[in-house]
Protein backbone atom coordinates (compact mmCIF):
# COMPACT_ATOMS: atom_id res chain seq x y z
CA MET A 1 93.11 26.88 -83.11
CA LYS A 2 96.07 28.22 -85.11
CA ARG A 3 93.88 31.04 -86.44
CA ALA A 4 92.90 32.19 -82.91
CA ILE A 5 96.53 32.23 -81.79
CA ALA A 6 97.60 34.10 -84.91
CA ILE A 7 94.86 36.73 -84.40
CA ALA A 8 95.86 37.21 -80.74
CA ALA A 9 99.53 37.47 -81.74
CA LEU A 10 98.68 39.94 -84.52
CA SER A 11 96.57 42.04 -82.14
CA ALA A 12 99.39 42.08 -79.62
CA LEU A 13 101.89 43.06 -82.29
CA LEU A 14 99.71 45.90 -83.57
CA LEU A 15 99.15 47.21 -80.04
CA GLY A 16 102.83 47.01 -79.20
CA THR A 17 102.30 44.60 -76.31
CA GLY A 18 103.49 41.15 -75.44
CA THR A 19 100.61 38.71 -75.64
CA VAL A 20 96.91 38.93 -75.01
CA ALA A 21 95.56 36.04 -72.96
CA ARG A 22 92.36 34.35 -74.08
CA GLY A 23 89.28 36.16 -72.77
CA GLN A 24 91.12 39.42 -72.04
CA THR A 25 90.93 42.78 -73.68
CA PRO A 26 94.26 44.35 -74.70
CA ASP A 27 93.93 46.84 -71.80
CA GLN A 28 93.53 44.00 -69.29
CA SER A 29 96.60 42.32 -70.69
CA LEU A 30 98.57 45.58 -70.49
CA ALA A 31 97.55 46.11 -66.88
CA GLN A 32 98.70 42.63 -65.90
CA THR A 33 102.09 43.09 -67.51
CA GLY A 34 102.55 46.45 -65.79
CA GLU A 35 102.60 48.37 -69.04
CA ASP A 36 100.87 51.73 -69.16
CA PRO A 37 98.00 52.13 -71.64
CA ALA A 38 98.67 55.88 -71.69
CA GLU A 39 102.21 55.24 -72.93
CA ARG A 40 100.98 53.17 -75.87
CA SER A 41 98.49 55.87 -76.87
CA GLY A 42 101.31 57.72 -78.60
CA ALA A 43 101.19 60.93 -76.56
CA ALA A 44 103.60 63.36 -78.19
CA ASP A 45 104.80 65.01 -74.96
CA PRO A 46 105.19 62.69 -71.93
CA SER A 47 105.26 65.72 -69.59
CA VAL A 48 101.65 66.54 -70.52
CA GLY A 49 98.63 64.35 -69.86
CA PRO A 50 97.09 63.09 -73.13
CA GLU A 51 93.53 63.40 -71.74
CA THR A 52 93.68 66.71 -69.84
CA GLY A 53 96.67 68.56 -71.27
CA LEU A 54 97.77 69.17 -67.66
CA PRO A 55 101.38 68.62 -66.57
CA LEU A 56 102.65 65.16 -65.62
CA PRO A 57 103.50 64.45 -62.93
CA ARG A 58 101.23 66.69 -60.82
CA TYR A 59 99.64 66.57 -57.39
CA VAL A 60 95.95 66.14 -56.62
CA SER A 61 93.97 65.11 -53.53
CA LEU A 62 91.23 62.59 -52.78
CA LYS A 63 87.62 63.80 -52.71
CA SER A 64 86.37 60.86 -50.67
CA SER A 65 87.31 59.07 -47.47
CA ARG A 66 87.06 55.72 -49.30
CA THR A 67 88.71 55.42 -52.70
CA TYR A 68 89.88 52.36 -54.64
CA ALA A 69 93.15 52.21 -56.56
CA ARG A 70 92.90 49.54 -59.24
CA ARG A 71 95.42 47.44 -61.14
CA GLY A 72 94.35 48.99 -64.45
CA PRO A 73 92.18 51.78 -65.86
CA SER A 74 88.67 50.29 -65.53
CA ASP A 75 86.20 49.08 -62.92
CA SER A 76 86.83 45.50 -64.02
CA HIS A 77 90.44 45.56 -62.78
CA ARG A 78 91.39 44.22 -59.37
CA ILE A 79 91.50 46.64 -56.43
CA ASP A 80 95.07 46.87 -55.13
CA TRP A 81 94.66 49.64 -52.54
CA VAL A 82 91.85 51.26 -50.58
CA TYR A 83 92.56 54.81 -49.45
CA ASN A 84 90.63 55.86 -46.36
CA LEU A 85 91.80 59.44 -45.89
CA ARG A 86 89.91 62.29 -47.54
CA ASP A 87 92.19 65.05 -48.93
CA LEU A 88 95.21 62.70 -49.06
CA PRO A 89 97.71 64.10 -51.59
CA LEU A 90 98.51 61.84 -54.53
CA ARG A 91 100.85 62.29 -57.48
CA VAL A 92 99.33 61.76 -60.94
CA THR A 93 101.84 60.01 -63.20
CA GLY A 94 99.61 58.89 -66.07
CA GLU A 95 96.25 59.33 -67.77
CA PHE A 96 94.04 57.01 -69.77
CA ASP A 97 90.49 57.96 -70.71
CA ARG A 98 88.69 58.81 -67.44
CA TRP A 99 91.37 57.20 -65.23
CA ARG A 100 94.47 58.61 -63.59
CA ARG A 101 97.49 56.57 -62.51
CA VAL A 102 98.53 57.84 -59.08
CA GLU A 103 101.10 57.12 -56.41
CA ASP A 104 101.12 58.00 -52.72
CA SER A 105 103.95 59.17 -50.46
CA GLU A 106 105.27 55.60 -50.22
CA GLY A 107 105.31 55.06 -53.99
CA GLN A 108 102.25 52.78 -53.92
CA GLY A 109 99.15 53.39 -55.98
CA GLY A 110 97.24 52.41 -59.05
CA TRP A 111 94.49 53.71 -61.30
CA ILE A 112 91.71 55.91 -59.83
CA SER A 113 88.69 57.37 -61.61
CA PHE A 114 89.17 61.08 -62.22
CA GLN A 115 85.84 61.70 -60.43
CA MET A 116 87.44 60.71 -57.11
CA LEU A 117 90.24 63.28 -57.45
CA SER A 118 90.35 67.00 -56.72
CA GLY A 119 92.75 69.67 -57.93
CA VAL A 120 92.92 71.08 -54.38
CA ARG A 121 96.52 70.88 -53.19
CA THR A 122 97.18 69.28 -49.83
CA LEU A 123 100.23 68.17 -47.86
CA LEU A 124 100.88 65.06 -45.79
CA ILE A 125 103.00 65.37 -42.65
CA THR A 126 105.80 62.78 -42.89
CA THR A 127 107.61 63.48 -39.60
CA ASP A 128 106.22 62.70 -36.17
CA MET A 129 105.37 65.81 -34.15
CA ALA A 130 106.28 68.35 -36.82
CA PRO A 131 106.13 71.87 -35.40
CA MET A 132 103.69 74.26 -37.10
CA ARG A 133 104.96 77.82 -36.62
CA THR A 134 103.47 81.33 -36.82
CA ARG A 135 105.87 82.36 -39.58
CA PRO A 136 108.45 80.63 -41.81
CA ALA A 137 111.35 80.66 -39.36
CA ALA A 138 112.83 77.95 -37.10
CA ASN A 139 112.73 80.31 -34.10
CA ALA A 140 109.08 81.40 -34.62
CA PRO A 141 106.57 80.40 -31.94
CA GLU A 142 104.78 77.07 -32.41
CA VAL A 143 101.08 77.05 -33.20
CA ALA A 144 100.74 73.26 -33.05
CA GLN A 145 102.58 69.94 -33.18
CA LEU A 146 101.41 67.80 -36.11
CA GLU A 147 101.53 64.02 -35.98
CA ARG A 148 102.76 61.92 -38.89
CA GLY A 149 99.87 61.27 -41.29
CA VAL A 150 98.05 64.56 -40.71
CA VAL A 151 96.79 66.20 -43.91
CA GLY A 152 96.29 69.92 -44.46
CA ARG A 153 95.54 72.30 -47.30
CA ILE A 154 98.37 74.31 -48.80
CA SER A 155 98.08 78.08 -48.61
CA GLU A 156 101.56 78.97 -49.84
CA CYS A 157 105.01 77.39 -50.28
CA ASN A 158 108.40 79.02 -50.60
CA PRO A 159 111.67 77.11 -51.13
CA ASP A 160 111.99 76.13 -47.44
CA TRP A 161 108.55 76.36 -45.82
CA CYS A 162 104.87 75.70 -46.58
CA GLU A 163 101.93 77.45 -45.01
CA MET A 164 99.06 75.07 -44.46
CA THR A 165 95.73 74.85 -42.70
CA VAL A 166 94.79 71.85 -40.56
CA ASP A 167 91.36 71.75 -38.88
CA GLY A 168 91.08 75.54 -38.97
CA THR A 169 94.60 76.18 -37.63
CA SER A 170 97.08 77.81 -40.00
CA GLY A 171 100.82 77.92 -39.77
CA TRP A 172 104.15 77.20 -41.42
CA VAL A 173 105.84 73.79 -41.61
CA GLU A 174 109.31 73.02 -42.96
CA ARG A 175 109.17 71.43 -46.41
CA SER A 176 111.41 68.58 -45.28
CA MET A 177 108.53 67.43 -43.03
CA VAL A 178 105.80 67.22 -45.71
CA TRP A 179 104.93 65.33 -48.90
CA GLY A 180 102.78 66.67 -51.73
CA ILE A 181 104.97 69.25 -53.41
CA ASP A 182 107.97 68.83 -55.68
CA PRO A 183 111.43 70.03 -54.66
CA GLY A 184 111.90 73.61 -55.84
CA GLU A 185 108.18 74.09 -56.54
CA THR A 186 106.68 77.26 -55.07
CA LEU A 187 103.03 78.19 -54.64
CA ASP A 188 101.53 81.62 -53.94
């Protein structure tokens, strides 16, 4: 019995974690403690994903209308969230193997297989009845009123406005009314 405990303690020490419970892999133990396996991988630059070399954090969107966010980076981890909105923007904050740690507009999330994510940039309307306008100006005519929770594809973003397309209708929405782009970020 002492030998098994010593081996588990030694494994935990070598991996830089707390303890590994009996019957768990080190990754399962890390996921339960809230530690990030990507952080222990020794990535030299935390602003770059160790698997893809792409910037962290970054925005992606969901490919499917039903996607599971898990407690840790494998199919054996518990499902914490089920996302039911295709094209929903998510923020990637970590990478481990074929998994991406993501968060939504409310700061919730988990680990999602990279196969369920797309690099297509989308925006989520965060204000009820946000006016979509013909050009990026507060006095421009309205094209539509967008309800909270509507998702559209980004065409362009300047410091104050984003042009987006929702169900075939294009127009400009104030950045303060959307989520899916960082402050100061511009897109052409």
